[in-house]
Amino acid sequence: MSDKFISIKKAAELLGVTPLTLRNWDKNGKFKAMRHPINNYRVYKSESVDKLLKDMETAVFTRSTKKVKKLQIKHE
């Protein structure tokens, strides 16, 4: 297999999630994995992981620049 594909363990490390999270994302269709033709292990395209990582960073940056309103509770 070429360097175009990475293992679930390596993808999880790069994305900062657990391999179980990636399995759940694959199962739910959120981030689909490909299967190795010989052993049927999940593998991910390097480009797909890079794109998701950039999307995650953009989402965190966008969310951190918006003003967040805090819930104020008034006691009677």
PDB file of N, CA and C in Angstrom:
ATOM      1  N   MET A   1       0.852  -1.182   0.000  1.00  0.00           N
ATOM      2  CA  MET A   1       0.000   0.000   0.000  1.00  0.00           C
ATOM      3  C   MET A   1       0.893   1.239   0.000  1.00  0.00           C
ATOM      4  N   SER A   2       0.498   2.246  -0.719  1.00  0.00           N
ATOM      5  CA  SER A   2       1.314   3.450  -0.856  1.00  0.00           C
ATOM      6  C   SER A   2       1.099   4.398   0.316  1.00  0.00           C
ATOM      7  N   ASP A   3       1.868   5.493   0.304  1.00  0.00           N
ATOM      8  CA  ASP A   3       1.771   6.497   1.365  1.00  0.00           C
ATOM      9  C   ASP A   3       0.536   7.364   1.237  1.00  0.00           C
ATOM     10  N   LYS A   4      -0.270   7.148   0.223  1.00  0.00           N
ATOM     11  CA  LYS A   4      -1.484   7.935   0.052  1.00  0.00           C
ATOM     12  C   LYS A   4      -2.516   7.601   1.123  1.00  0.00           C
ATOM     13  N   PHE A   5      -2.377   6.461   1.745  1.00  0.00           N
ATOM     14  CA  PHE A   5      -3.337   6.012   2.747  1.00  0.00           C
ATOM     15  C   PHE A   5      -2.665   5.900   4.103  1.00  0.00           C
ATOM     16  N   ILE A   6      -3.428   6.200   5.159  1.00  0.00           N
ATOM     17  CA  ILE A   6      -2.890   6.076   6.513  1.00  0.00           C
ATOM     18  C   ILE A   6      -3.836   5.227   7.346  1.00  0.00           C
ATOM     19  N   SER A   7      -3.284   4.647   8.380  1.00  0.00           N
ATOM     20  CA  SER A   7      -4.054   3.749   9.247  1.00  0.00           C
ATOM     21  C   SER A   7      -5.012   4.545  10.119  1.00  0.00           C
ATOM     22  N   ILE A   8      -5.952   3.836  10.705  1.00  0.00           N
ATOM     23  CA  ILE A   8      -6.927   4.476  11.592  1.00  0.00           C
ATOM     24  C   ILE A   8      -6.229   5.060  12.818  1.00  0.00           C
ATOM     25  N   LYS A   9      -5.195   4.378  13.305  1.00  0.00           N
ATOM     26  CA  LYS A   9      -4.463   4.861  14.480  1.00  0.00           C
ATOM     27  C   LYS A   9      -3.778   6.193  14.176  1.00  0.00           C
ATOM     28  N   LYS A  10      -3.096   6.260  13.031  1.00  0.00           N
ATOM     29  CA  LYS A  10      -2.397   7.486  12.649  1.00  0.00           C
ATOM     30  C   LYS A  10      -3.394   8.623  12.370  1.00  0.00           C
ATOM     31  N   ALA A  11      -4.494   8.314  11.708  1.00  0.00           N
ATOM     32  CA  ALA A  11      -5.515   9.334  11.434  1.00  0.00           C
ATOM     33  C   ALA A  11      -6.086   9.887  12.738  1.00  0.00           C
ATOM     34  N   ALA A  12      -6.322   8.997  13.699  1.00  0.00           N
ATOM     35  CA  ALA A  12      -6.858   9.430  14.992  1.00  0.00           C
ATOM     36  C   ALA A  12      -5.869  10.356  15.702  1.00  0.00           C
ATOM     37  N   GLU A  13      -4.588  10.017  15.654  1.00  0.00           N
ATOM     38  CA  GLU A  13      -3.568  10.871  16.276  1.00  0.00           C
ATOM     39  C   GLU A  13      -3.536  12.251  15.627  1.00  0.00           C
ATOM     40  N   LEU A  14      -3.584  12.290  14.316  1.00  0.00           N
ATOM     41  CA  LEU A  14      -3.529  13.567  13.608  1.00  0.00           C
ATOM     42  C   LEU A  14      -4.749  14.441  13.907  1.00  0.00           C
ATOM     43  N   LEU A  15      -5.914  13.811  14.033  1.00  0.00           N
ATOM     44  CA  LEU A  15      -7.154  14.556  14.253  1.00  0.00           C
ATOM     45  C   LEU A  15      -7.435  14.840  15.723  1.00  0.00           C
ATOM     46  N   GLY A  16      -6.695  14.188  16.612  1.00  0.00           N
ATOM     47  CA  GLY A  16      -6.890  14.411  18.044  1.00  0.00           C
ATOM     48  C   GLY A  16      -8.131  13.729  18.589  1.00  0.00           C
ATOM     49  N   VAL A  17      -8.488  12.603  17.994  1.00  0.00           N
ATOM     50  CA  VAL A  17      -9.631  11.813  18.468  1.00  0.00           C
ATOM     51  C   VAL A  17      -9.159  10.377  18.659  1.00  0.00           C
ATOM     52  N   THR A  18     -10.029   9.537  19.164  1.00  0.00           N
ATOM     53  CA  THR A  18      -9.678   8.133  19.345  1.00  0.00           C
ATOM     54  C   THR A  18     -10.046   7.331  18.095  1.00  0.00           C
ATOM     55  N   PRO A  19      -9.411   6.176  17.920  1.00  0.00           N
ATOM     56  CA  PRO A  19      -9.818   5.307  16.811  1.00  0.00           C
ATOM     57  C   PRO A  19     -11.299   4.908  16.893  1.00  0.00           C
ATOM     58  N   LEU A  20     -11.823   4.762  18.105  1.00  0.00           N
ATOM     59  CA  LEU A  20     -13.241   4.440  18.262  1.00  0.00           C
ATOM     60  C   LEU A  20     -14.119   5.556  17.702  1.00  0.00           C
ATOM     61  N   THR A  21     -13.720   6.797  17.906  1.00  0.00           N
ATOM     62  CA  THR A  21     -14.462   7.929  17.346  1.00  0.00           C
ATOM     63  C   THR A  21     -14.482   7.844  15.821  1.00  0.00           C
ATOM     64  N   LEU A  22     -13.336   7.529  15.219  1.00  0.00           N
ATOM     65  CA  LEU A  22     -13.297   7.398  13.763  1.00  0.00           C
ATOM     66  C   LEU A  22     -14.162   6.237  13.287  1.00  0.00           C
ATOM     67  N   ARG A  23     -14.199   5.147  14.039  1.00  0.00           N
ATOM     68  CA  ARG A  23     -15.073   4.032  13.666  1.00  0.00           C
ATOM     69  C   ARG A  23     -16.536   4.458  13.722  1.00  0.00           C
ATOM     70  N   ASN A  24     -16.892   5.222  14.748  1.00  0.00           N
ATOM     71  CA  ASN A  24     -18.268   5.712  14.869  1.00  0.00           C
ATOM     72  C   ASN A  24     -18.605   6.678  13.733  1.00  0.00           C
ATOM     73  N   TRP A  25     -17.681   7.566  13.383  1.00  0.00           N
ATOM     74  CA  TRP A  25     -17.903   8.499  12.279  1.00  0.00           C
ATOM     75  C   TRP A  25     -18.104   7.733  10.982  1.00  0.00           C
ATOM     76  N   ASP A  26     -17.323   6.662  10.784  1.00  0.00           N
ATOM     77  CA  ASP A  26     -17.457   5.846   9.585  1.00  0.00           C
ATOM     78  C   ASP A  26     -18.821   5.153   9.579  1.00  0.00           C
ATOM     79  N   LYS A  27     -19.198   4.587  10.690  1.00  0.00           N
ATOM     80  CA  LYS A  27     -20.481   3.886  10.817  1.00  0.00           C
ATOM     81  C   LYS A  27     -21.660   4.824  10.560  1.00  0.00           C
ATOM     82  N   ASN A  28     -21.552   6.066  11.042  1.00  0.00           N
ATOM     83  CA  ASN A  28     -22.634   7.043  10.894  1.00  0.00           C
ATOM     84  C   ASN A  28     -22.544   7.857   9.605  1.00  0.00           C
ATOM     85  N   GLY A  29     -21.513   7.612   8.802  1.00  0.00           N
ATOM     86  CA  GLY A  29     -21.375   8.303   7.526  1.00  0.00           C
ATOM     87  C   GLY A  29     -20.802   9.703   7.622  1.00  0.00           C
ATOM     88  N   LYS A  30     -20.260  10.074   8.770  1.00  0.00           N
ATOM     89  CA  LYS A  30     -19.720  11.424   8.938  1.00  0.00           C
ATOM     90  C   LYS A  30     -18.340  11.576   8.308  1.00  0.00           C
ATOM     91  N   PHE A  31     -17.524  10.529   8.399  1.00  0.00           N
ATOM     92  CA  PHE A  31     -16.191  10.548   7.809  1.00  0.00           C
ATOM     93  C   PHE A  31     -15.868   9.114   7.400  1.00  0.00           C
ATOM     94  N   LYS A  32     -16.173   8.803   6.147  1.00  0.00           N
ATOM     95  CA  LYS A  32     -16.083   7.432   5.665  1.00  0.00           C
ATOM     96  C   LYS A  32     -14.634   6.997   5.468  1.00  0.00           C
ATOM     97  N   ALA A  33     -14.387   5.751   5.836  1.00  0.00           N
ATOM     98  CA  ALA A  33     -13.077   5.135   5.631  1.00  0.00           C
ATOM     99  C   ALA A  33     -13.125   4.253   4.397  1.00  0.00           C
ATOM    100  N   MET A  34     -11.956   4.000   3.861  1.00  0.00           N
ATOM    101  CA  MET A  34     -11.834   3.013   2.799  1.00  0.00           C
ATOM    102  C   MET A  34     -11.345   1.729   3.473  1.00  0.00           C
ATOM    103  N   ARG A  35     -11.411   0.635   2.764  1.00  0.00           N
ATOM    104  CA  ARG A  35     -10.966  -0.639   3.323  1.00  0.00           C
ATOM    105  C   ARG A  35      -9.749  -1.151   2.572  1.00  0.00           C
ATOM    106  N   HIS A  36      -8.780  -1.656   3.336  1.00  0.00           N
ATOM    107  CA  HIS A  36      -7.598  -2.274   2.737  1.00  0.00           C
ATOM    108  C   HIS A  36      -8.051  -3.539   2.016  1.00  0.00           C
ATOM    109  N   PRO A  37      -7.618  -3.749   0.779  1.00  0.00           N
ATOM    110  CA  PRO A  37      -8.134  -4.885  -0.005  1.00  0.00           C
ATOM    111  C   PRO A  37      -7.736  -6.261   0.533  1.00  0.00           C
ATOM    112  N   ILE A  38      -6.661  -6.357   1.285  1.00  0.00           N
ATOM    113  CA  ILE A  38      -6.213  -7.663   1.770  1.00  0.00           C
ATOM    114  C   ILE A  38      -6.755  -7.981   3.158  1.00  0.00           C
ATOM    115  N   ASN A  39      -6.605  -7.050   4.095  1.00  0.00           N
ATOM    116  CA  ASN A  39      -6.986  -7.342   5.480  1.00  0.00           C
ATOM    117  C   ASN A  39      -8.288  -6.683   5.921  1.00  0.00           C
ATOM    118  N   ASN A  40      -8.886  -5.860   5.077  1.00  0.00           N
ATOM    119  CA  ASN A  40     -10.163  -5.189   5.334  1.00  0.00           C
ATOM    120  C   ASN A  40     -10.102  -4.173   6.483  1.00  0.00           C
ATOM    121  N   TYR A  41      -8.903  -3.749   6.867  1.00  0.00           N
ATOM    122  CA  TYR A  41      -8.766  -2.713   7.889  1.00  0.00           C
ATOM    123  C   TYR A  41      -9.209  -1.372   7.307  1.00  0.00           C
ATOM    124  N   ARG A  42      -9.652  -0.483   8.189  1.00  0.00           N
ATOM    125  CA  ARG A  42     -10.001   0.866   7.749  1.00  0.00           C
ATOM    126  C   ARG A  42      -8.731   1.646   7.453  1.00  0.00           C
ATOM    127  N   VAL A  43      -8.733   2.358   6.344  1.00  0.00           N
ATOM    128  CA  VAL A  43      -7.637   3.259   5.996  1.00  0.00           C
ATOM    129  C   VAL A  43      -8.259   4.555   5.481  1.00  0.00           C
ATOM    130  N   TYR A  44      -7.493   5.619   5.581  1.00  0.00           N
ATOM    131  CA  TYR A  44      -7.980   6.939   5.181  1.00  0.00           C
ATOM    132  C   TYR A  44      -7.014   7.563   4.188  1.00  0.00           C
ATOM    133  N   LYS A  45      -7.554   8.279   3.223  1.00  0.00           N
ATOM    134  CA  LYS A  45      -6.709   9.027   2.295  1.00  0.00           C
ATOM    135  C   LYS A  45      -6.067  10.177   3.057  1.00  0.00           C
ATOM    136  N   SER A  46      -4.804  10.396   2.798  1.00  0.00           N
ATOM    137  CA  SER A  46      -4.080  11.490   3.465  1.00  0.00           C
ATOM    138  C   SER A  46      -4.740  12.834   3.184  1.00  0.00           C
ATOM    139  N   GLU A  47      -5.193  13.023   1.935  1.00  0.00           N
ATOM    140  CA  GLU A  47      -5.832  14.297   1.572  1.00  0.00           C
ATOM    141  C   GLU A  47      -7.124  14.515   2.359  1.00  0.00           C
ATOM    142  N   SER A  48      -7.887  13.447   2.586  1.00  0.00           N
ATOM    143  CA  SER A  48      -9.148  13.561   3.323  1.00  0.00           C
ATOM    144  C   SER A  48      -8.900  13.955   4.772  1.00  0.00           C
ATOM    145  N   VAL A  49      -7.875  13.357   5.373  1.00  0.00           N
ATOM    146  CA  VAL A  49      -7.541  13.680   6.766  1.00  0.00           C
ATOM    147  C   VAL A  49      -7.064  15.117   6.853  1.00  0.00           C
ATOM    148  N   ASP A  50      -6.220  15.539   5.916  1.00  0.00           N
ATOM    149  CA  ASP A  50      -5.732  16.928   5.907  1.00  0.00           C
ATOM    150  C   ASP A  50      -6.880  17.916   5.749  1.00  0.00           C
ATOM    151  N   LYS A  51      -7.814  17.618   4.864  1.00  0.00           N
ATOM    152  CA  LYS A  51      -8.954  18.507   4.642  1.00  0.00           C
ATOM    153  C   LYS A  51      -9.821  18.603   5.899  1.00  0.00           C
ATOM    154  N   LEU A  52     -10.088  17.463   6.539  1.00  0.00           N
ATOM    155  CA  LEU A  52     -10.892  17.481   7.761  1.00  0.00           C
ATOM    156  C   LEU A  52     -10.189  18.256   8.864  1.00  0.00           C
ATOM    157  N   LEU A  53      -8.884  18.083   8.977  1.00  0.00           N
ATOM    158  CA  LEU A  53      -8.114  18.802   9.985  1.00  0.00           C
ATOM    159  C   LEU A  53      -8.203  20.310   9.763  1.00  0.00           C
ATOM    160  N   LYS A  54      -8.074  20.749   8.507  1.00  0.00           N
ATOM    161  CA  LYS A  54      -8.193  22.180   8.197  1.00  0.00           C
ATOM    162  C   LYS A  54      -9.600  22.691   8.481  1.00  0.00           C
ATOM    163  N   ASP A  55     -10.617  21.884   8.155  1.00  0.00           N
ATOM    164  CA  ASP A  55     -11.998  22.269   8.442  1.00  0.00           C
ATOM    165  C   ASP A  55     -12.235  22.398   9.943  1.00  0.00           C
ATOM    166  N   MET A  56     -11.659  21.493  10.718  1.00  0.00           N
ATOM    167  CA  MET A  56     -11.801  21.545  12.170  1.00  0.00           C
ATOM    168  C   MET A  56     -11.124  22.788  12.735  1.00  0.00           C
ATOM    169  N   GLU A  57      -9.941  23.109  12.226  1.00  0.00           N
ATOM    170  CA  GLU A  57      -9.229  24.298  12.695  1.00  0.00           C
ATOM    171  C   GLU A  57      -9.997  25.558  12.340  1.00  0.00           C
ATOM    172  N   THR A  58     -10.572  25.612  11.153  1.00  0.00           N
ATOM    173  CA  THR A  58     -11.360  26.762  10.730  1.00  0.00           C
ATOM    174  C   THR A  58     -12.593  26.922  11.610  1.00  0.00           C
ATOM    175  N   ALA A  59     -13.246  25.813  11.927  1.00  0.00           N
ATOM    176  CA  ALA A  59     -14.440  25.863  12.774  1.00  0.00           C
ATOM    177  C   ALA A  59     -14.105  26.355  14.171  1.00  0.00           C
ATOM    178  N   VAL A  60     -12.990  25.911  14.721  1.00  0.00           N
ATOM    179  CA  VAL A  60     -12.578  26.359  16.062  1.00  0.00           C
ATOM    180  C   VAL A  60     -12.252  27.834  16.030  1.00  0.00           C
ATOM    181  N   PHE A  61     -11.548  28.293  14.990  1.00  0.00           N
ATOM    182  CA  PHE A  61     -11.201  29.711  14.877  1.00  0.00           C
ATOM    183  C   PHE A  61     -12.457  30.561  14.728  1.00  0.00           C
ATOM    184  N   THR A  62     -13.384  30.134  13.890  1.00  0.00           N
ATOM    185  CA  THR A  62     -14.617  30.878  13.668  1.00  0.00           C
ATOM    186  C   THR A  62     -15.433  30.959  14.943  1.00  0.00           C
ATOM    187  N   ARG A  63     -15.520  29.848  15.649  1.00  0.00           N
ATOM    188  CA  ARG A  63     -16.304  29.810  16.879  1.00  0.00           C
ATOM    189  C   ARG A  63     -15.671  30.681  17.956  1.00  0.00           C
ATOM    190  N   SER A  64     -14.334  30.729  18.014  1.00  0.00           N
ATOM    191  CA  SER A  64     -13.670  31.502  19.062  1.00  0.00           C
ATOM    192  C   SER A  64     -13.727  33.004  18.814  1.00  0.00           C
ATOM    193  N   THR A  65     -13.950  33.424  17.564  1.00  0.00           N
ATOM    194  CA  THR A  65     -13.999  34.853  17.273  1.00  0.00           C
ATOM    195  C   THR A  65     -15.398  35.434  17.437  1.00  0.00           C
ATOM    196  N   LYS A  66     -16.412  34.578  17.530  1.00  0.00           N
ATOM    197  CA  LYS A  66     -17.771  35.072  17.732  1.00  0.00           C
ATOM    198  C   LYS A  66     -17.990  35.363  19.216  1.00  0.00           C
ATOM    199  N   LYS A  67     -18.850  36.313  19.470  1.00  0.00           N
ATOM    200  CA  LYS A  67     -19.183  36.608  20.856  1.00  0.00           C
ATOM    201  C   LYS A  67     -20.147  35.542  21.371  1.00  0.00           C
ATOM    202  N   VAL A  68     -19.873  35.083  22.563  1.00  0.00           N
ATOM    203  CA  VAL A  68     -20.710  34.055  23.166  1.00  0.00           C
ATOM    204  C   VAL A  68     -21.525  34.706  24.273  1.00  0.00           C
ATOM    205  N   LYS A  69     -22.832  34.500  24.217  1.00  0.00           N
ATOM    206  CA  LYS A  69     -23.697  35.031  25.260  1.00  0.00           C
ATOM    207  C   LYS A  69     -23.809  34.004  26.372  1.00  0.00           C
ATOM    208  N   LYS A  70     -23.638  34.453  27.594  1.00  0.00           N
ATOM    209  CA  LYS A  70     -23.757  33.561  28.736  1.00  0.00           C
ATOM    210  C   LYS A  70     -25.180  33.602  29.252  1.00  0.00           C
ATOM    211  N   LEU A  71     -25.628  32.471  29.701  1.00  0.00           N
ATOM    212  CA  LEU A  71     -26.949  32.370  30.292  1.00  0.00           C
ATOM    213  C   LEU A  71     -26.903  32.976  31.684  1.00  0.00           C
ATOM    214  N   GLN A  72     -27.765  33.947  31.921  1.00  0.00           N
ATOM    215  CA  GLN A  72     -27.820  34.568  33.224  1.00  0.00           C
ATOM    216  C   GLN A  72     -29.057  34.071  33.973  1.00  0.00           C
ATOM    217  N   ILE A  73     -28.826  33.554  35.140  1.00  0.00           N
ATOM    218  CA  ILE A  73     -29.926  33.023  35.949  1.00  0.00           C
ATOM    219  C   ILE A  73     -30.150  33.991  37.111  1.00  0.00           C
ATOM    220  N   LYS A  74     -31.396  34.420  37.226  1.00  0.00           N
ATOM    221  CA  LYS A  74     -31.749  35.324  38.321  1.00  0.00           C
ATOM    222  C   LYS A  74     -32.514  34.537  39.359  1.00  0.00           C
ATOM    223  N   HIS A  75     -32.046  34.617  40.566  1.00  0.00           N
ATOM    224  CA  HIS A  75     -32.723  33.906  41.663  1.00  0.00           C
ATOM    225  C   HIS A  75     -33.760  34.828  42.275  1.00  0.00           C
ATOM    226  N   GLU A  76     -34.905  34.266  42.554  1.00  0.00           N
ATOM    227  CA  GLU A  76     -35.970  35.071  43.163  1.00  0.00           C
ATOM    228  C   GLU A  76     -35.983  34.935  44.656  1.00  0.00           C
TER     229      GLU A  76
END
